[in-house]
N, C-alpha and C. Protein backbone atom coordinates (compact mmCIF):
# COMPACT_ATOMS: atom_id res chain seq x y z
N MET A 1 -95.43 38.81 -17.85
CA MET A 1 -96.39 39.42 -19.04
C MET A 1 -95.57 39.68 -19.66
N ALA A 2 -95.75 39.37 -20.89
CA ALA A 2 -94.81 39.61 -22.09
C ALA A 2 -95.28 41.46 -22.54
N ALA A 3 -94.23 42.20 -23.12
CA ALA A 3 -94.30 43.77 -23.48
C ALA A 3 -95.68 44.02 -24.31
N MET A 4 -95.89 43.03 -24.90
CA MET A 4 -97.45 43.45 -25.54
C MET A 4 -98.69 43.14 -24.91
N GLY A 5 -98.64 42.00 -23.93
CA GLY A 5 -99.59 41.98 -23.14
C GLY A 5 -99.65 42.92 -22.29
N GLN A 6 -98.41 43.82 -21.98
CA GLN A 6 -98.66 44.80 -20.52
C GLN A 6 -99.25 45.94 -21.75
N VAL A 7 -98.84 46.08 -22.86
CA VAL A 7 -99.44 47.27 -23.66
C VAL A 7 -101.18 47.08 -23.37
N ILE A 8 -101.77 46.08 -23.88
CA ILE A 8 -102.98 46.02 -24.13
C ILE A 8 -104.00 46.00 -22.47
N LEU A 9 -102.91 45.39 -21.60
CA LEU A 9 -103.41 45.37 -20.46
C LEU A 9 -103.47 47.37 -19.90
N SER A 10 -102.32 47.99 -20.68
CA SER A 10 -102.18 49.43 -20.15
C SER A 10 -102.89 50.33 -20.40
N GLN A 11 -103.65 49.58 -21.86
CA GLN A 11 -104.86 50.25 -22.33
C GLN A 11 -106.09 50.35 -22.22
N ALA A 12 -106.20 48.75 -21.47
CA ALA A 12 -107.64 48.57 -21.39
C ALA A 12 -107.38 49.49 -19.74
N LEU A 13 -106.55 49.63 -18.99
CA LEU A 13 -106.57 50.19 -17.64
C LEU A 13 -106.97 51.67 -17.77
N LEU A 14 -106.28 52.01 -18.99
CA LEU A 14 -106.69 53.61 -19.07
C LEU A 14 -107.85 53.92 -19.26
N SER A 15 -108.93 53.12 -20.19
CA SER A 15 -110.16 52.87 -20.55
C SER A 15 -110.97 52.61 -19.27
N ALA A 16 -110.07 52.13 -18.79
CA ALA A 16 -111.38 52.16 -16.98
C ALA A 16 -111.84 53.63 -16.33
N ASP A 17 -112.74 53.46 -16.25
CA ASP A 17 -113.24 54.50 -15.43
C ASP A 17 -112.93 54.24 -13.76
N ALA A 18 -114.09 54.61 -12.75
CA ALA A 18 -113.52 54.90 -11.42
C ALA A 18 -113.87 53.22 -10.89
N ASN A 19 -113.77 52.28 -11.43
CA ASN A 19 -113.14 50.75 -10.97
C ASN A 19 -111.73 50.30 -11.64
N ASP A 20 -111.36 51.36 -11.84
CA ASP A 20 -109.69 51.10 -12.53
C ASP A 20 -108.86 49.85 -11.56
N ARG A 21 -108.98 51.19 -10.22
CA ARG A 21 -108.34 49.98 -9.22
C ARG A 21 -108.51 48.45 -9.03
N GLU A 22 -110.10 48.67 -8.59
CA GLU A 22 -110.62 47.51 -8.54
C GLU A 22 -110.18 46.05 -9.99
N PHE A 23 -109.98 46.94 -10.69
CA PHE A 23 -109.72 45.93 -12.03
C PHE A 23 -108.07 45.73 -12.00
N GLU A 24 -107.58 46.88 -11.52
CA GLU A 24 -105.93 46.44 -11.54
C GLU A 24 -105.70 45.49 -10.51
N ALA A 25 -106.34 45.28 -9.04
CA ALA A 25 -106.22 44.80 -8.18
C ALA A 25 -106.57 43.21 -8.73
N ALA A 26 -107.45 42.80 -9.25
CA ALA A 26 -107.90 41.55 -9.97
C ALA A 26 -107.00 41.23 -10.81
N VAL A 27 -106.31 41.97 -11.60
CA VAL A 27 -105.46 41.27 -12.59
C VAL A 27 -104.43 41.17 -11.55
N ARG A 28 -104.16 41.91 -10.70
CA ARG A 28 -102.61 41.00 -9.93
C ARG A 28 -103.18 40.19 -9.15
N GLU A 29 -104.08 40.11 -8.61
CA GLU A 29 -104.53 38.77 -7.80
C GLU A 29 -104.63 37.28 -8.79
N HIS A 30 -105.10 37.52 -9.91
CA HIS A 30 -105.74 36.22 -10.52
C HIS A 30 -104.65 35.88 -11.91
N ALA A 31 -103.77 37.20 -12.31
CA ALA A 31 -103.43 37.05 -13.51
C ALA A 31 -102.57 35.01 -13.68
N ARG A 32 -101.75 35.11 -12.46
CA ARG A 32 -101.42 34.25 -12.47
C ARG A 32 -102.08 33.00 -12.80
N HIS A 33 -102.77 32.54 -11.97
CA HIS A 33 -104.22 31.43 -12.23
C HIS A 33 -104.16 31.54 -13.37
N VAL A 34 -105.03 32.43 -13.93
CA VAL A 34 -105.48 32.78 -15.19
C VAL A 34 -104.36 32.15 -16.16
N TYR A 35 -103.37 32.69 -15.95
CA TYR A 35 -102.27 32.34 -17.01
C TYR A 35 -102.29 30.78 -16.63
N ARG A 36 -101.97 30.01 -15.97
CA ARG A 36 -102.01 28.55 -15.47
C ARG A 36 -102.80 27.90 -16.66
N ILE A 37 -104.16 28.37 -16.15
CA ILE A 37 -104.69 27.65 -16.89
C ILE A 37 -105.30 27.47 -18.15
N ALA A 38 -104.85 28.92 -19.02
CA ALA A 38 -104.43 29.28 -20.47
C ALA A 38 -103.59 28.14 -20.82
N GLN A 39 -102.49 28.32 -20.35
CA GLN A 39 -101.32 27.39 -20.37
C GLN A 39 -101.62 25.79 -20.61
N ALA A 40 -102.44 25.99 -19.44
CA ALA A 40 -102.59 24.49 -19.53
C ALA A 40 -102.94 23.33 -20.71
N VAL A 41 -104.44 24.89 -21.27
CA VAL A 41 -104.78 24.63 -22.16
C VAL A 41 -103.99 23.90 -23.95
N LEU A 42 -103.70 25.46 -23.79
CA LEU A 42 -102.93 26.09 -25.25
C LEU A 42 -101.47 25.05 -25.27
N ARG A 43 -100.70 25.18 -23.78
CA ARG A 43 -99.31 24.24 -24.18
C ARG A 43 -98.51 25.31 -24.52
N ASN A 44 -98.52 26.96 -24.92
CA ASN A 44 -97.93 27.98 -25.39
C ASN A 44 -97.47 29.05 -24.99
N HIS A 45 -96.68 29.36 -24.98
CA HIS A 45 -96.55 30.58 -23.98
C HIS A 45 -97.02 31.77 -24.44
N HIS A 46 -97.26 32.18 -25.78
CA HIS A 46 -97.49 33.25 -26.84
C HIS A 46 -99.02 33.22 -26.60
N ASP A 47 -99.68 32.18 -26.96
CA ASP A 47 -101.03 32.04 -26.99
C ASP A 47 -101.87 32.02 -25.76
N ALA A 48 -100.79 31.32 -24.47
CA ALA A 48 -101.50 31.73 -23.24
C ALA A 48 -101.95 32.82 -22.93
N GLU A 49 -100.67 34.00 -22.75
CA GLU A 49 -100.98 35.45 -22.55
C GLU A 49 -102.00 36.20 -23.45
N ASP A 50 -102.59 35.74 -24.79
CA ASP A 50 -102.92 36.27 -25.37
C ASP A 50 -104.58 35.94 -24.99
N ALA A 51 -104.53 34.88 -24.45
CA ALA A 51 -105.93 34.12 -23.98
C ALA A 51 -106.00 34.80 -22.24
N VAL A 52 -104.92 35.16 -21.58
CA VAL A 52 -105.01 35.72 -20.56
C VAL A 52 -105.31 37.06 -20.71
N GLN A 53 -105.27 38.24 -21.82
CA GLN A 53 -105.52 39.23 -22.25
C GLN A 53 -106.58 39.39 -22.87
N GLU A 54 -107.20 38.44 -23.10
CA GLU A 54 -108.84 38.29 -23.88
C GLU A 54 -109.67 38.11 -22.41
N THR A 55 -109.25 37.28 -21.40
CA THR A 55 -110.06 36.98 -20.40
C THR A 55 -109.96 37.97 -19.60
N PHE A 56 -108.99 39.04 -19.32
CA PHE A 56 -109.27 40.10 -18.32
C PHE A 56 -109.86 41.01 -18.95
N LEU A 57 -110.25 41.26 -20.33
CA LEU A 57 -110.40 42.35 -21.54
C LEU A 57 -112.55 42.09 -21.33
N ARG A 58 -112.33 41.05 -21.19
CA ARG A 58 -113.90 40.44 -20.86
C ARG A 58 -114.49 40.75 -19.91
N PHE A 59 -113.54 40.57 -18.66
CA PHE A 59 -114.23 40.92 -16.99
C PHE A 59 -113.90 42.61 -17.16
N LEU A 60 -113.26 43.36 -17.63
CA LEU A 60 -113.28 44.98 -18.11
C LEU A 60 -114.64 45.13 -18.57
N ARG A 61 -114.99 44.34 -19.71
CA ARG A 61 -116.71 44.55 -20.35
C ARG A 61 -117.56 44.58 -19.44
N GLN A 62 -117.33 43.92 -18.37
CA GLN A 62 -118.35 43.08 -17.42
C GLN A 62 -118.14 43.95 -16.30
N GLN A 63 -117.93 45.25 -15.91
CA GLN A 63 -117.58 46.17 -14.96
C GLN A 63 -118.95 46.55 -14.19
N ARG A 64 -120.06 46.79 -15.14
CA ARG A 64 -121.26 47.08 -14.40
C ARG A 64 -121.85 45.96 -13.95
N ASN A 65 -121.35 44.34 -13.86
CA ASN A 65 -121.91 43.26 -13.13
C ASN A 65 -120.80 42.86 -12.15
N TRP A 66 -119.61 43.87 -11.67
CA TRP A 66 -118.65 42.79 -10.88
C TRP A 66 -119.32 42.49 -9.66
N ALA A 67 -120.61 43.76 -9.06
CA ALA A 67 -120.68 43.50 -7.79
C ALA A 67 -121.76 42.11 -7.83
N GLY A 68 -122.25 41.65 -8.87
CA GLY A 68 -122.84 40.27 -9.23
C GLY A 68 -122.25 38.76 -9.37
N ILE A 69 -121.20 39.48 -9.74
CA ILE A 69 -120.03 38.19 -10.02
C ILE A 69 -119.49 37.65 -8.14
N ARG A 70 -120.36 36.38 -8.25
CA ARG A 70 -119.90 36.08 -6.54
C ARG A 70 -118.66 35.94 -6.48
N ASN A 71 -117.79 35.15 -7.29
CA ASN A 71 -116.32 34.50 -6.97
C ASN A 71 -115.80 34.89 -8.35
N PRO A 72 -115.07 36.19 -8.01
CA PRO A 72 -114.29 36.28 -9.09
C PRO A 72 -113.07 35.42 -9.66
N ARG A 73 -112.53 34.94 -9.00
CA ARG A 73 -111.83 33.39 -9.16
C ARG A 73 -112.04 32.53 -10.32
N ALA A 74 -113.56 32.20 -9.86
CA ALA A 74 -114.05 31.27 -10.36
C ALA A 74 -114.70 31.92 -11.80
N TRP A 75 -114.79 32.80 -11.76
CA TRP A 75 -115.54 33.35 -12.99
C TRP A 75 -114.07 33.74 -14.32
N LEU A 76 -113.05 34.32 -13.42
CA LEU A 76 -112.07 34.20 -14.62
C LEU A 76 -111.43 33.36 -14.92
N ALA A 77 -111.49 31.69 -14.20
CA ALA A 77 -111.09 30.37 -14.35
C ALA A 77 -111.83 30.00 -15.56
N ARG A 78 -113.52 30.60 -14.89
CA ARG A 78 -114.23 29.54 -16.48
C ARG A 78 -114.09 30.70 -17.44
N THR A 79 -114.07 31.90 -17.50
CA THR A 79 -113.99 32.31 -18.83
C THR A 79 -112.40 32.18 -19.26
N ALA A 80 -111.51 32.08 -18.70
CA ALA A 80 -110.04 31.91 -19.34
C ALA A 80 -110.16 30.43 -20.15
N TRP A 81 -110.75 29.17 -19.59
CA TRP A 81 -111.05 27.81 -19.70
C TRP A 81 -111.59 28.09 -21.03
N ARG A 82 -112.50 28.90 -21.41
CA ARG A 82 -113.40 29.06 -22.43
C ARG A 82 -112.92 29.47 -23.55
N VAL A 83 -112.06 30.90 -23.51
CA VAL A 83 -111.37 31.39 -24.19
C VAL A 83 -109.92 30.67 -24.64
N ALA A 84 -109.55 30.02 -23.78
CA ALA A 84 -108.13 28.69 -24.46
C ALA A 84 -108.95 28.09 -24.98
N LEU A 85 -109.86 26.71 -24.70
CA LEU A 85 -110.46 26.54 -25.75
C LEU A 85 -110.88 26.88 -26.98
N ASP A 86 -111.57 27.81 -27.02
CA ASP A 86 -111.46 28.82 -28.01
C ASP A 86 -110.16 28.73 -29.13
N ARG A 87 -109.21 29.33 -28.75
CA ARG A 87 -108.25 29.34 -29.04
C ARG A 87 -107.40 28.46 -29.82
N ARG A 88 -107.64 27.31 -28.88
CA ARG A 88 -107.31 25.62 -29.62
C ARG A 88 -107.82 24.94 -30.48
N ARG A 89 -108.88 25.36 -30.61
CA ARG A 89 -109.45 25.54 -31.45
C ARG A 89 -108.88 25.93 -32.98
N GLN A 90 -108.47 26.99 -32.93
CA GLN A 90 -108.46 28.03 -33.68
C GLN A 90 -106.83 27.59 -34.05
N THR A 91 -106.04 27.21 -33.62
CA THR A 91 -104.65 26.90 -33.57
C THR A 91 -104.57 25.36 -34.29
N VAL A 92 -103.52 25.10 -35.20
CA VAL A 92 -103.16 24.02 -35.79
C VAL A 92 -101.72 23.09 -35.36
N ALA A 93 -101.14 24.15 -35.35
CA ALA A 93 -99.69 23.76 -35.48
C ALA A 93 -99.10 23.37 -33.86
N VAL A 94 -98.25 22.41 -33.78
CA VAL A 94 -97.74 22.13 -32.90
C VAL A 94 -96.56 23.13 -32.27
N SER A 95 -96.65 23.66 -30.92
CA SER A 95 -95.21 24.39 -30.85
C SER A 95 -94.17 23.96 -30.61
N LEU A 96 -92.76 24.45 -31.86
CA LEU A 96 -91.82 23.34 -31.94
C LEU A 96 -90.88 23.70 -30.52
N GLU A 97 -91.40 25.50 -30.29
CA GLU A 97 -90.53 26.04 -29.06
C GLU A 97 -90.61 25.17 -27.98
N GLU A 98 -92.08 24.84 -27.46
CA GLU A 98 -92.02 24.36 -26.21
C GLU A 98 -91.10 22.76 -26.48
N ALA A 99 -91.38 21.62 -27.42
CA ALA A 99 -90.71 20.48 -27.70
C ALA A 99 -89.02 20.80 -27.14
N ALA A 100 -88.49 22.26 -27.83
CA ALA A 100 -87.37 22.23 -27.77
C ALA A 100 -87.05 22.42 -26.05
N ASP A 101 -87.86 23.38 -25.34
CA ASP A 101 -87.92 23.56 -24.02
C ASP A 101 -88.10 22.15 -23.35
N VAL A 102 -88.90 21.51 -23.50
CA VAL A 102 -88.90 20.14 -23.06
C VAL A 102 -87.68 19.06 -22.87
N VAL A 103 -86.65 19.53 -23.76
CA VAL A 103 -85.62 18.84 -24.16
C VAL A 103 -84.21 18.77 -23.85
N GLU A 104 -84.60 20.62 -23.92
CA GLU A 104 -83.59 21.06 -22.92
C GLU A 104 -83.21 21.34 -21.74
N THR A 105 -84.55 21.13 -20.84
CA THR A 105 -84.73 20.99 -19.80
C THR A 105 -83.84 19.59 -19.04
N LEU A 106 -84.20 18.42 -20.26
CA LEU A 106 -84.33 16.49 -19.43
C LEU A 106 -82.40 17.16 -20.04
N ARG A 107 -82.04 17.73 -21.20
CA ARG A 107 -80.72 17.57 -21.57
C ARG A 107 -80.03 18.39 -20.28
N ALA A 108 -80.40 19.60 -19.63
CA ALA A 108 -79.66 20.43 -18.56
C ALA A 108 -79.69 19.21 -17.51
N ALA A 109 -80.74 18.48 -17.28
CA ALA A 109 -80.65 17.52 -15.91
C ALA A 109 -79.47 16.31 -15.92
N GLY A 110 -78.77 16.39 -17.35
CA GLY A 110 -77.87 15.24 -17.26
C GLY A 110 -78.48 14.08 -18.29
N ALA A 111 -79.90 13.83 -18.88
CA ALA A 111 -80.43 12.94 -19.19
C ALA A 111 -79.46 12.51 -20.34
N SER A 112 -79.75 11.29 -21.14
CA SER A 112 -79.27 10.74 -21.80
C SER A 112 -79.91 10.83 -23.22
N ALA A 113 -79.53 10.32 -24.17
CA ALA A 113 -80.66 10.59 -25.70
C ALA A 113 -81.23 9.51 -25.56
N GLU A 114 -81.02 8.33 -24.88
CA GLU A 114 -82.11 7.07 -24.50
C GLU A 114 -83.02 8.00 -23.89
N GLU A 115 -82.59 8.01 -22.70
CA GLU A 115 -84.02 8.82 -21.96
C GLU A 115 -84.33 9.73 -22.15
N LEU A 116 -83.96 10.56 -22.93
CA LEU A 116 -84.46 11.73 -23.65
C LEU A 116 -85.95 11.23 -24.51
N ALA A 117 -85.83 10.41 -25.14
CA ALA A 117 -86.06 9.66 -26.16
C ALA A 117 -87.64 9.27 -25.20
N ALA A 118 -86.80 8.38 -24.28
CA ALA A 118 -87.98 7.09 -23.60
C ALA A 118 -89.24 8.29 -22.80
N GLN A 119 -88.49 9.37 -22.48
CA GLN A 119 -89.24 10.33 -21.54
C GLN A 119 -90.28 11.01 -22.81
N SER A 120 -89.49 11.55 -23.78
CA SER A 120 -90.64 11.75 -25.31
C SER A 120 -91.64 10.88 -25.31
N GLN A 121 -91.25 9.78 -25.23
CA GLN A 121 -92.45 9.26 -25.36
C GLN A 121 -93.71 8.65 -24.54
N THR A 122 -93.12 8.57 -23.64
CA THR A 122 -94.04 8.50 -22.59
C THR A 122 -94.94 9.44 -22.18
N LEU A 123 -94.27 10.82 -22.34
CA LEU A 123 -94.74 11.88 -22.41
C LEU A 123 -96.21 11.93 -23.15
N ALA A 124 -96.02 11.62 -24.80
CA ALA A 124 -96.50 11.60 -25.88
C ALA A 124 -97.68 10.68 -25.87
N LEU A 125 -97.32 9.28 -25.28
CA LEU A 125 -98.37 8.38 -24.72
C LEU A 125 -99.36 8.81 -24.00
N VAL A 126 -99.09 9.58 -22.94
CA VAL A 126 -99.56 9.76 -21.55
C VAL A 126 -100.92 11.16 -22.16
N GLU A 127 -100.23 11.82 -22.80
CA GLU A 127 -101.05 12.98 -23.97
C GLU A 127 -101.77 12.45 -24.78
N ARG A 128 -101.59 11.49 -25.22
CA ARG A 128 -102.61 10.51 -26.51
C ARG A 128 -103.72 10.15 -25.93
N LEU A 129 -103.25 9.55 -24.42
CA LEU A 129 -104.14 8.70 -23.61
C LEU A 129 -105.31 9.73 -23.06
N ILE A 130 -104.91 10.84 -22.37
CA ILE A 130 -105.77 11.76 -22.11
C ILE A 130 -106.76 12.39 -23.15
N ALA A 131 -106.00 12.94 -24.19
CA ALA A 131 -106.61 13.23 -24.93
C ALA A 131 -107.84 12.16 -25.93
N SER A 132 -107.55 10.95 -25.58
CA SER A 132 -108.92 10.15 -26.05
C SER A 132 -109.76 9.94 -25.03
N LEU A 133 -109.51 10.49 -23.56
CA LEU A 133 -110.56 10.67 -23.05
C LEU A 133 -112.17 11.34 -23.58
N PRO A 134 -113.21 11.17 -22.98
CA PRO A 134 -114.44 11.86 -23.61
C PRO A 134 -114.13 13.22 -22.77
N ARG A 135 -114.65 13.96 -23.53
CA ARG A 135 -114.56 15.56 -23.47
C ARG A 135 -114.84 15.68 -21.66
N GLU A 136 -116.08 15.57 -21.34
CA GLU A 136 -116.39 16.00 -19.96
C GLU A 136 -115.91 14.81 -18.79
N LEU A 137 -114.74 14.31 -18.95
CA LEU A 137 -113.95 13.21 -18.19
C LEU A 137 -112.62 14.25 -18.26
N ARG A 138 -111.95 14.57 -19.52
CA ARG A 138 -111.06 14.72 -19.95
C ARG A 138 -110.78 16.32 -19.07
N GLU A 139 -111.46 16.90 -19.44
CA GLU A 139 -111.87 18.62 -18.74
C GLU A 139 -111.56 18.80 -17.39
N PRO A 140 -112.28 17.99 -16.45
CA PRO A 140 -112.14 17.74 -15.00
C PRO A 140 -110.96 17.42 -14.77
N LEU A 141 -110.57 16.47 -15.16
CA LEU A 141 -108.75 15.49 -15.03
C LEU A 141 -108.16 16.20 -15.04
N THR A 142 -108.08 17.34 -16.37
CA THR A 142 -107.29 18.38 -16.71
C THR A 142 -106.80 19.45 -15.26
N LEU A 143 -108.33 20.11 -15.44
CA LEU A 143 -108.13 21.08 -14.30
C LEU A 143 -108.01 20.61 -12.87
N SER A 144 -107.82 19.23 -12.27
CA SER A 144 -107.67 19.09 -11.19
C SER A 144 -106.34 18.78 -11.30
N THR A 145 -105.57 17.95 -12.08
CA THR A 145 -104.33 17.43 -11.95
C THR A 145 -103.10 18.37 -12.40
N VAL A 146 -104.00 19.08 -13.45
CA VAL A 146 -102.66 20.17 -14.02
C VAL A 146 -102.65 21.54 -13.41
N GLU A 147 -103.84 21.96 -13.14
CA GLU A 147 -103.72 23.18 -12.09
C GLU A 147 -104.49 23.47 -11.08
N GLU A 148 -104.51 22.24 -10.45
CA GLU A 148 -104.94 21.66 -9.01
C GLU A 148 -105.82 22.63 -8.53
N LEU A 149 -106.94 22.51 -9.16
CA LEU A 149 -108.27 23.44 -8.68
C LEU A 149 -108.67 22.54 -8.10
N THR A 150 -109.68 22.78 -6.72
CA THR A 150 -110.19 22.08 -6.07
C THR A 150 -112.15 22.02 -6.76
N SER A 151 -112.56 20.64 -6.26
CA SER A 151 -113.84 20.65 -6.80
C SER A 151 -114.67 21.46 -7.00
N ALA A 152 -114.98 22.26 -5.93
CA ALA A 152 -115.39 23.45 -6.35
C ALA A 152 -115.44 24.46 -7.28
N GLU A 153 -114.18 24.46 -7.56
CA GLU A 153 -113.65 25.61 -8.43
C GLU A 153 -113.85 25.03 -10.19
N ILE A 154 -113.58 24.03 -9.91
CA ILE A 154 -114.02 23.24 -11.22
C ILE A 154 -115.19 22.96 -11.65
N GLY A 155 -116.01 22.80 -10.41
CA GLY A 155 -117.78 22.77 -11.19
C GLY A 155 -117.93 24.53 -11.63
N GLU A 156 -117.15 25.21 -10.91
CA GLU A 156 -117.57 26.20 -11.34
C GLU A 156 -117.35 26.94 -12.61
N VAL A 157 -116.12 26.43 -12.99
CA VAL A 157 -115.16 26.29 -14.62
C VAL A 157 -116.04 26.11 -15.40
N LEU A 158 -116.55 24.62 -15.10
CA LEU A 158 -117.43 23.84 -16.24
C LEU A 158 -119.05 24.03 -16.05
N GLY A 159 -119.43 24.58 -15.10
CA GLY A 159 -120.72 24.79 -14.87
C GLY A 159 -121.10 23.39 -14.43
N ILE A 160 -120.86 22.98 -13.66
CA ILE A 160 -121.43 21.61 -13.13
C ILE A 160 -121.50 21.15 -11.75
N PRO A 161 -122.10 20.36 -10.85
CA PRO A 161 -121.98 20.09 -9.34
C PRO A 161 -120.82 20.21 -8.95
N GLU A 162 -120.25 20.34 -8.02
CA GLU A 162 -118.91 19.24 -7.15
C GLU A 162 -119.21 17.86 -7.29
N GLY A 163 -120.05 17.19 -6.80
CA GLY A 163 -120.35 16.01 -6.79
C GLY A 163 -119.98 15.39 -8.30
N SER A 164 -120.49 15.98 -8.83
CA SER A 164 -120.06 15.67 -10.60
C SER A 164 -118.77 15.61 -10.75
N VAL A 165 -118.02 16.41 -10.59
CA VAL A 165 -116.51 16.98 -10.31
C VAL A 165 -115.92 15.87 -10.08
N ARG A 166 -115.90 15.46 -8.66
CA ARG A 166 -115.00 14.58 -8.22
C ARG A 166 -115.77 12.65 -8.61
N GLU A 167 -116.67 12.83 -8.99
CA GLU A 167 -116.98 11.41 -9.90
C GLU A 167 -116.39 11.65 -11.38
N ARG A 168 -116.19 12.61 -12.12
CA ARG A 168 -115.94 12.70 -13.64
C ARG A 168 -114.39 12.49 -13.22
N VAL A 169 -113.62 13.13 -12.43
CA VAL A 169 -112.25 12.82 -11.70
C VAL A 169 -111.81 11.50 -11.60
N SER A 170 -112.83 11.03 -10.83
CA SER A 170 -112.59 9.42 -10.39
C SER A 170 -112.57 8.73 -11.66
N ARG A 171 -113.73 8.91 -12.35
CA ARG A 171 -114.23 7.90 -13.63
C ARG A 171 -112.63 8.31 -14.70
N ALA A 172 -112.59 9.76 -15.08
CA ALA A 172 -111.18 9.79 -15.44
C ALA A 172 -109.66 9.33 -15.53
N ARG A 173 -109.28 9.10 -14.23
CA ARG A 173 -108.25 8.18 -13.34
C ARG A 173 -108.23 6.45 -13.78
N THR A 174 -109.62 6.26 -13.42
CA THR A 174 -109.67 4.79 -14.06
C THR A 174 -109.62 4.23 -15.01
N MET A 175 -110.31 5.35 -15.79
CA MET A 175 -110.46 4.90 -17.55
C MET A 175 -108.75 5.45 -17.70
N LEU A 176 -108.24 6.28 -17.54
CA LEU A 176 -106.91 6.36 -17.88
C LEU A 176 -106.02 5.33 -17.77
N GLY A 177 -105.99 4.54 -16.27
CA GLY A 177 -105.41 3.74 -15.75
C GLY A 177 -105.45 1.93 -17.05
N GLU A 178 -107.01 1.87 -16.91
CA GLU A 178 -107.19 0.94 -17.93
C GLU A 178 -106.29 1.07 -19.19
N LYS A 179 -106.78 2.40 -19.71
CA LYS A 179 -106.18 2.43 -21.28
C LYS A 179 -104.33 2.19 -20.86
N LEU A 180 -103.99 3.00 -19.95
CA LEU A 180 -102.73 2.52 -20.08
C LEU A 180 -101.98 1.26 -19.60
N ALA A 181 -102.88 0.17 -18.97
CA ALA A 181 -102.37 -0.99 -18.37
C ALA A 181 -102.44 -1.72 -20.18
N GLY A 182 -103.86 -1.42 -20.68
CA GLY A 182 -103.95 -2.20 -21.76
C GLY A 182 -103.12 -1.93 -22.67
N TRP A 183 -102.27 -0.73 -23.27
CA TRP A 183 -101.66 -0.04 -23.91
C TRP A 183 -100.08 -1.25 -23.59
N MET A 184 -99.65 -1.09 -22.27
CA MET A 184 -98.31 -1.71 -21.69
C MET A 184 -98.75 -3.12 -21.84
N GLU A 185 -99.45 -3.83 -21.57
CA GLU A 185 -99.89 -5.60 -22.00
C GLU A 185 -99.88 -5.73 -23.68
N LYS A 186 -100.41 -5.03 -24.62
CA LYS A 186 -100.35 -4.90 -25.81
C LYS A 186 -98.79 -4.79 -26.41
N ASN A 187 -98.41 -3.98 -26.14
CA ASN A 187 -97.10 -3.29 -26.42
C ASN A 187 -96.06 -4.31 -25.41
N HIS A 188 -96.08 -4.50 -24.27
CA HIS A 188 -95.21 -5.05 -23.86
C HIS A 188 -95.41 -6.63 -22.92
N GLY A 189 -96.22 -6.99 -23.28
CA GLY A 189 -97.00 -8.16 -23.34
C GLY A 189 -96.59 -8.32 -21.24
N ARG A 190 -97.31 -7.35 -20.72
CA ARG A 190 -96.66 -7.51 -19.17
C ARG A 190 -98.57 -7.39 -18.60
């Protein structure tokens, strides 16, 4: 985590009372998982770190209720998801830094300018197609494929039954495949 994030966590740890070791253990155990969820939603390192900090601060505020949190990993994942969605709604600009990182990675792999353009166009197409899915299908698909959460974990994050998660992920994949096939046929006559 960045220095600023560590300062915020350090301040939170200093303000914690007898539960500070439990809180610190939760941060150590789940920080990477929480960050990956925030990063999947926000696609910006700095915004994701801020979302992680907000997630753990909310967890710290729930200190009296920790015993009632049946599954801390799922609680943190659900909170991180909501915090990140709130932040994404507030963020309008696209991260140029992220785009530069992708291009640099492909260049380092020896990709030609033509390959870079094709890769960029394909990625943009898939992102647009996923974004065009209804929210109730897009969110479980993202958590399943990007975050590799189980159906049970996704159910906890989104507050829906596990069977509904599996059904929604299946429908999302089917719909995404149909959209991609339609786009290919329209644009390439295949």
